[in-house]
Protein backbone atom coordinates (compact mmCIF):
# COMPACT_ATOMS: atom_id res chain seq x y z
CA UNK A 1 282.56 235.28 73.43
CA UNK A 2 281.70 238.01 70.93
CA UNK A 3 280.12 236.31 67.87
CA UNK A 4 280.71 239.34 65.65
CA UNK A 5 284.45 239.22 66.31
CA UNK A 6 284.34 235.59 65.05
CA UNK A 7 286.09 234.50 68.23
CA UNK A 8 287.43 230.96 68.25
CA UNK A 9 288.74 231.13 64.68
CA UNK A 10 292.38 231.79 63.78
CA UNK A 11 291.45 233.37 60.44
CA UNK A 12 288.54 235.81 60.27
CA UNK A 13 286.88 238.01 57.66
CA UNK A 14 284.50 240.94 57.91
CA UNK A 15 283.65 243.92 55.74
CA UNK A 16 284.51 247.60 55.96
CA UNK A 17 284.78 249.96 58.93
CA UNK A 18 282.52 247.92 61.20
CA UNK A 19 284.53 244.82 60.35
CA UNK A 20 287.72 246.59 61.39
CA UNK A 21 286.13 247.61 64.69
CA UNK A 22 284.96 244.08 65.48
CA UNK A 23 287.98 242.08 64.33
CA UNK A 24 290.45 244.62 65.65
CA UNK A 25 289.41 243.77 69.19
CA UNK A 26 291.25 240.44 69.05
CA UNK A 27 293.32 240.13 65.86
CA UNK A 28 297.09 240.61 65.90
CA UNK A 29 297.16 241.48 62.18
CA UNK A 30 294.54 243.10 59.95
CA UNK A 31 294.81 242.85 56.16
CA UNK A 32 292.97 245.61 54.30
CA UNK A 33 291.85 244.55 50.81
CA UNK A 34 290.78 247.19 48.27
CA UNK A 35 291.48 245.64 44.88
CA UNK A 36 290.09 248.43 42.66
CA UNK A 37 292.23 250.17 43.29
CA UNK A 38 293.96 251.26 46.53
CA UNK A 39 295.68 247.96 47.43
CA UNK A 40 296.72 247.34 43.84
CA UNK A 41 298.36 250.77 43.65
CA UNK A 42 300.07 250.14 47.00
CA UNK A 43 301.51 246.87 45.70
CA UNK A 44 302.82 248.47 42.52
CA UNK A 45 304.47 251.31 44.45
CA UNK A 46 306.02 249.22 47.23
CA UNK A 47 307.19 246.44 44.92
CA UNK A 48 309.14 249.09 43.00
CA UNK A 49 310.86 250.42 46.12
CA UNK A 50 308.45 253.22 46.97
CA UNK A 51 306.25 253.99 49.94
CA UNK A 52 302.62 255.05 50.25
CA UNK A 53 301.05 257.51 52.68
CA UNK A 54 297.38 256.45 52.94
CA UNK A 55 295.14 259.48 53.34
CA UNK A 56 291.49 259.86 54.23
CA UNK A 57 289.62 260.77 51.06
CA UNK A 58 287.87 264.13 50.71
CA UNK A 59 286.88 263.98 47.07
CA UNK A 60 290.52 264.04 45.94
CA UNK A 61 291.77 262.83 42.60
CA UNK A 62 293.14 259.32 43.13
CA UNK A 63 296.44 258.20 41.51
CA UNK A 64 295.76 255.27 39.18
CA UNK A 65 297.66 251.95 39.26
CA UNK A 66 298.62 252.19 35.59
CA UNK A 67 300.31 255.55 36.27
CA UNK A 68 302.81 254.13 38.81
CA UNK A 69 306.29 254.61 37.42
CA UNK A 70 309.50 252.56 37.85
CA UNK A 71 310.78 254.72 40.75
CA UNK A 72 307.64 255.97 42.52
CA UNK A 73 309.25 257.35 45.69
CA UNK A 74 306.69 258.46 48.29
CA UNK A 75 303.11 258.55 47.00
CA UNK A 76 300.26 260.27 48.84
CA UNK A 77 297.26 258.03 48.15
CA UNK A 78 293.79 259.14 49.24
CA UNK A 79 291.01 256.57 49.09
CA UNK A 80 287.46 256.47 50.48
CA UNK A 81 287.87 252.80 51.32
CA UNK A 82 291.31 251.23 51.64
CA UNK A 83 293.29 254.25 52.85
CA UNK A 84 290.62 255.25 55.33
CA UNK A 85 290.46 251.71 56.70
CA UNK A 86 294.24 251.58 57.16
CA UNK A 87 294.07 254.48 59.60
CA UNK A 88 291.16 252.90 61.45
CA UNK A 89 292.88 249.51 61.58
CA UNK A 90 296.10 251.02 62.94
CA UNK A 91 294.12 252.60 65.79
CA UNK A 92 293.14 249.12 67.03
CA UNK A 93 296.77 248.30 67.80
CA UNK A 94 296.92 245.50 65.22
CA UNK A 95 299.67 245.31 62.61
CA UNK A 96 298.18 246.51 59.31
CA UNK A 97 298.95 245.13 55.86
CA UNK A 98 297.53 246.00 52.44
CA UNK A 99 296.58 243.00 50.32
CA UNK A 100 295.26 242.41 46.83
CA UNK A 101 295.23 239.68 44.22
CA UNK A 102 298.72 240.57 42.99
CA UNK A 103 300.40 239.91 46.34
CA UNK A 104 297.94 237.53 48.02
CA UNK A 105 300.40 234.79 48.95
CA UNK A 106 303.12 237.22 50.07
CA UNK A 107 300.70 239.11 52.31
CA UNK A 108 299.29 235.86 53.71
CA UNK A 109 302.79 234.66 54.64
CA UNK A 110 303.70 238.00 56.22
CA UNK A 111 300.46 238.16 58.23
CA UNK A 112 300.97 234.59 59.46
CA UNK A 113 304.52 235.38 60.53
CA UNK A 114 303.43 238.50 62.39
CA UNK A 115 300.46 236.91 64.12
CA UNK A 116 302.02 233.60 65.10
CA UNK A 117 299.35 231.72 67.05
CA UNK A 118 297.17 234.82 67.39
CA UNK A 119 294.20 235.48 65.06
CA UNK A 120 294.37 237.29 61.72
CA UNK A 121 291.58 239.45 60.33
CA UNK A 122 291.05 239.99 56.60
CA UNK A 123 289.02 243.11 55.77
CA UNK A 124 287.52 243.44 52.28
CA UNK A 125 287.01 247.19 52.09
CA UNK A 126 283.96 247.23 49.84
CA UNK A 127 282.74 250.30 47.98
CA UNK A 128 280.43 253.15 49.03
CA UNK A 129 277.08 253.88 47.48
CA UNK A 130 277.11 257.45 46.20
CA UNK A 131 280.88 257.52 45.69
CA UNK A 132 282.21 256.77 42.21
CA UNK A 133 284.99 257.73 39.86
CA UNK A 134 283.30 260.95 38.75
CA UNK A 135 281.42 262.10 41.85
CA UNK A 136 281.64 262.13 45.63
CA UNK A 137 278.31 261.48 47.28
CA UNK A 138 277.43 260.92 50.90
CA UNK A 139 278.98 257.46 50.77
CA UNK A 140 277.49 256.32 54.03
CA UNK A 141 276.39 252.78 53.12
CA UNK A 142 278.70 249.89 52.26
CA UNK A 143 278.48 248.12 48.91
CA UNK A 144 280.09 244.68 49.22
CA UNK A 145 281.89 244.12 45.93
CA UNK A 146 283.12 241.20 43.86
CA UNK A 147 286.72 242.34 43.55
CA UNK A 148 287.33 242.69 47.27
CA UNK A 149 285.60 239.40 48.06
CA UNK A 150 287.93 237.66 45.60
CA UNK A 151 291.04 239.48 46.81
CA UNK A 152 290.24 238.61 50.41
CA UNK A 153 289.48 235.05 49.35
CA UNK A 154 292.87 234.72 47.65
CA UNK A 155 294.61 235.75 50.86
CA UNK A 156 292.53 233.38 52.97
CA UNK A 157 293.15 230.54 50.49
CA UNK A 158 296.90 231.10 50.86
CA UNK A 159 296.55 230.42 54.60
CA UNK A 160 294.78 227.10 54.16
CA UNK A 161 296.38 225.58 57.27
CA UNK A 162 294.73 228.02 59.69
CA UNK A 163 291.21 227.27 61.02
CA UNK A 164 288.94 229.79 59.28
CA UNK A 165 285.59 231.27 60.18
CA UNK A 166 282.68 230.49 57.83
CA UNK A 167 282.96 234.05 56.49
CA UNK A 168 286.62 233.56 55.62
CA UNK A 169 286.03 230.05 54.26
CA UNK A 170 283.26 231.30 51.95
CA UNK A 171 285.53 233.99 50.49
CA UNK A 172 288.24 231.41 49.77
CA UNK A 173 285.68 229.14 48.13
CA UNK A 174 284.49 232.00 45.91
CA UNK A 175 288.06 232.77 44.90
CA UNK A 176 288.89 229.16 44.03
CA UNK A 177 285.76 228.80 41.91
CA UNK A 178 285.95 232.05 39.93
CA UNK A 179 287.68 233.13 36.74
CA UNK A 180 289.43 236.19 38.12
CA UNK A 181 290.04 238.21 34.96
CA UNK A 182 286.51 237.75 33.66
CA UNK A 183 285.03 238.56 37.08
CA UNK A 184 286.98 241.80 37.49
CA UNK A 185 286.23 242.97 33.98
CA UNK A 186 282.54 242.16 34.33
CA UNK A 187 281.78 243.33 37.88
CA UNK A 188 280.28 246.74 38.60
CA UNK A 189 283.55 248.32 39.71
CA UNK A 190 285.45 246.93 36.75
CA UNK A 191 282.84 248.10 34.26
CA UNK A 192 282.92 251.58 35.79
CA UNK A 193 286.70 251.85 35.45
CA UNK A 194 286.73 250.47 31.92
CA UNK A 195 284.00 252.92 30.87
CA UNK A 196 286.19 255.80 32.07
CA UNK A 197 289.32 254.66 30.25
CA UNK A 198 291.00 252.69 33.03
CA UNK A 199 290.93 249.18 31.57
CA UNK A 200 294.67 248.80 32.27
CA UNK A 201 294.01 249.34 35.99
CA UNK A 202 291.58 246.41 35.93
CA UNK A 203 294.07 244.17 34.14
CA UNK A 204 296.81 245.00 36.63
CA UNK A 205 294.45 244.31 39.53
CA UNK A 206 293.43 240.92 38.07
CA UNK A 207 296.99 239.53 38.04
CA UNK A 208 297.32 236.92 40.79
CA UNK A 209 300.49 236.35 42.83
CA UNK A 210 302.78 238.27 40.50
CA UNK A 211 304.26 240.21 43.43
CA UNK A 212 306.35 239.00 46.37
CA UNK A 213 305.82 242.25 48.29
CA UNK A 214 303.83 242.48 51.51
CA UNK A 215 303.10 246.17 52.27
CA UNK A 216 302.99 246.89 56.01
CA UNK A 217 301.94 250.11 57.74
CA UNK A 218 304.85 251.61 59.72
CA UNK A 219 304.58 255.08 61.27
CA UNK A 220 301.78 256.02 58.91
CA UNK A 221 303.46 254.78 55.73
CA UNK A 222 302.95 251.55 53.80
CA UNK A 223 306.27 249.99 52.82
CA UNK A 224 307.59 246.58 51.81
CA UNK A 225 307.88 244.30 54.84
C-alpha cells in the first residue's frame, strides 16, 4: 500500500502537481480546485453555456471571473495552477472535474456518480511563490492557500457519506468552521486581488453552492457535465 496515495480511503486530498501524481495512480475522478480564480471562472463560463480550454500558463494575461459575460462561448483560460493541473490530471487516465465554492455540491455529486465505488481525489491547486498578479517568477515552490483548502473542504463536506482520509477530513472541518466571505477577503490571495482592483472576483469566488454546474474535462475542454 502506498501511504502517499492515501490508499484505503474512498475520498482523498492532496496538494498540487505532486498530489495529482500520487492520487492519480488509483483515483477514478480527480477534482481540481483553484478558487482564486481558475475554477471560479470555469464555473461562471460553463454555467452560462460556454466551454473552457485550460492552457498551461506562460505569463499570459488571465481572464477575470467578473469579466465573464452572459454568452461566453469558448474561452481560452491559461493558469499557472488550475489549468496546468487539469492537463496533468487528464494524463493519469482519471476523469477530471473543476471545482470551487460556487459549485461544490454539484461537483461532489458528479464525481461520486462517475467514480461509483472507486476512490475520488480532491486536489487543492495552491499558489506558486514568485508568481503573482503583476509578475511571473520562477514559481517552483507550492504555497498552500486558504481559498483552495476551503474550496476543497466544501467538496469533501458534500460527500460526507464516503470514508475520507485524514487530509480530506481536515479540509472539510476547516470549511465547516470558517466564515467563507471573511476568509477569502482576508487571506493573502484575496488581499492581492482586492489591492489590484479585483474585489468583485473575490466576492464571486466566495459564493457557496450558487451553481448547479459540474465542469468536466472532455477532449481538452471543460464543459457542463
